[in-house]
């Protein structure tokens, strides 16, 4: 899928959520609408979140991992938006999960 074909960019700002992150990522991966990219922004997180994100990115080409110095959730979201290739952008908190039709009905 080329960048100009991506409809939705999902940005997940990530800081100290290693115990929640897999569930959030997996819920996004299971979307019924599959024309999306998932951008996980590691906002200087000192825990294992970056390694978890890298593991998922290695097996799913729709996932991008960005690392930046800690700047807070707004800074992380802005970094994700700068990288986003989708026509639309949405945000999912890393300690949440979404229903399989989240993007489809958004």
Protein backbone atom coordinates (compact mmCIF):
# COMPACT_ATOMS: atom_id res chain seq x y z
CA UNK A 1 0.00 0.00 0.00
CA UNK A 2 1.55 3.31 -0.99
CA UNK A 3 1.32 6.35 1.26
CA UNK A 4 -1.20 8.12 -0.97
CA UNK A 5 -3.62 5.19 -0.64
CA UNK A 6 -3.85 5.26 3.17
CA UNK A 7 -7.22 6.54 4.27
CA UNK A 8 -6.82 6.68 8.05
CA UNK A 9 -3.80 7.25 10.26
CA UNK A 10 -4.24 6.06 13.84
CA UNK A 11 -1.85 7.77 16.26
CA UNK A 12 -1.13 6.21 19.65
CA UNK A 13 0.94 8.46 21.98
CA UNK A 14 2.79 6.10 24.30
CA UNK A 15 4.39 6.61 27.71
CA UNK A 16 4.72 3.99 30.48
CA UNK A 17 1.90 1.72 29.31
CA UNK A 18 3.67 -1.58 28.67
CA UNK A 19 0.95 -3.58 30.42
CA UNK A 20 -1.84 -2.05 28.29
CA UNK A 21 -0.15 -1.49 24.93
CA UNK A 22 -0.53 -4.99 23.42
CA UNK A 23 -4.31 -4.92 23.88
CA UNK A 24 -4.53 -1.47 22.28
CA UNK A 25 -2.39 -2.48 19.30
CA UNK A 26 -4.21 -5.75 18.75
CA UNK A 27 -7.60 -4.04 18.85
CA UNK A 28 -6.44 -1.67 16.11
CA UNK A 29 -4.97 -4.50 14.05
CA UNK A 30 -8.36 -6.27 14.09
CA UNK A 31 -10.24 -3.43 12.38
CA UNK A 32 -12.84 -4.38 9.78
CA UNK A 33 -11.67 -1.37 7.74
CA UNK A 34 -8.09 -2.30 6.88
CA UNK A 35 -6.95 0.78 4.94
CA UNK A 36 -5.08 2.40 7.82
CA UNK A 37 -1.65 2.93 9.27
CA UNK A 38 -0.88 2.74 12.97
CA UNK A 39 1.67 5.23 14.26
CA UNK A 40 2.93 4.48 17.75
CA UNK A 41 4.79 7.46 19.20
CA UNK A 42 7.14 6.47 22.00
CA UNK A 43 7.29 9.68 24.03
CA UNK A 44 10.53 9.04 25.92
CA UNK A 45 8.95 6.15 27.78
CA UNK A 46 11.43 4.47 30.16
CA UNK A 47 9.52 1.17 30.32
CA UNK A 48 9.33 -1.66 27.77
CA UNK A 49 6.73 0.07 25.54
CA UNK A 50 9.20 0.72 22.71
CA UNK A 51 10.25 -2.94 22.53
CA UNK A 52 6.62 -4.03 22.50
CA UNK A 53 5.81 -1.59 19.70
CA UNK A 54 8.85 -2.72 17.70
CA UNK A 55 7.75 -6.34 18.00
CA UNK A 56 4.34 -5.57 16.51
CA UNK A 57 5.85 -3.33 13.81
CA UNK A 58 8.19 -6.12 12.72
CA UNK A 59 5.23 -8.33 11.85
CA UNK A 60 2.75 -5.75 10.51
CA UNK A 61 3.79 -3.31 7.77
CA UNK A 62 0.94 -0.97 8.71
CA UNK A 63 2.66 -0.12 12.00
CA UNK A 64 5.26 2.65 12.32
CA UNK A 65 7.12 3.38 15.54
CA UNK A 66 8.44 6.87 16.24
CA UNK A 67 10.72 7.69 19.15
CA UNK A 68 11.03 11.15 20.64
CA UNK A 69 12.11 12.82 23.86
CA UNK A 70 9.36 13.08 26.43
CA UNK A 71 7.20 16.11 25.74
CA UNK A 72 3.76 15.06 26.86
CA UNK A 73 0.72 13.66 25.12
CA UNK A 74 0.07 16.71 22.90
CA UNK A 75 3.66 16.72 21.70
CA UNK A 76 3.44 13.00 20.93
CA UNK A 77 0.19 13.44 19.02
CA UNK A 78 1.70 16.29 17.01
CA UNK A 79 4.73 14.13 16.14
CA UNK A 80 2.37 11.40 14.95
CA UNK A 81 0.38 13.85 12.84
CA UNK A 82 3.59 15.06 11.14
CA UNK A 83 4.32 11.47 10.11
CA UNK A 84 0.75 10.57 9.16
CA UNK A 85 0.06 9.71 5.52
CA UNK A 86 -3.68 9.17 5.83
CA UNK A 87 -6.40 11.42 4.54
CA UNK A 88 -7.88 11.32 8.06
CA UNK A 89 -6.19 11.11 11.46
CA UNK A 90 -7.58 9.73 14.70
CA UNK A 91 -6.11 9.11 18.12
CA UNK A 92 -6.34 6.11 20.42
CA UNK A 93 -4.95 6.21 23.94
CA UNK A 94 -2.57 3.32 24.64
CA UNK A 95 -4.46 2.22 27.73
CA UNK A 96 -7.69 1.88 25.76
CA UNK A 97 -8.86 -0.52 23.10
CA UNK A 98 -11.30 -0.06 20.24
CA UNK A 99 -14.09 -2.17 18.84
CA UNK A 100 -13.40 -3.91 15.49
CA UNK A 101 -15.61 -1.46 13.59
CA UNK A 102 -14.13 1.70 15.17
CA UNK A 103 -12.52 3.00 11.96
CA UNK A 104 -15.30 1.77 9.69
CA UNK A 105 -17.96 3.78 11.53
CA UNK A 106 -15.81 6.73 12.51
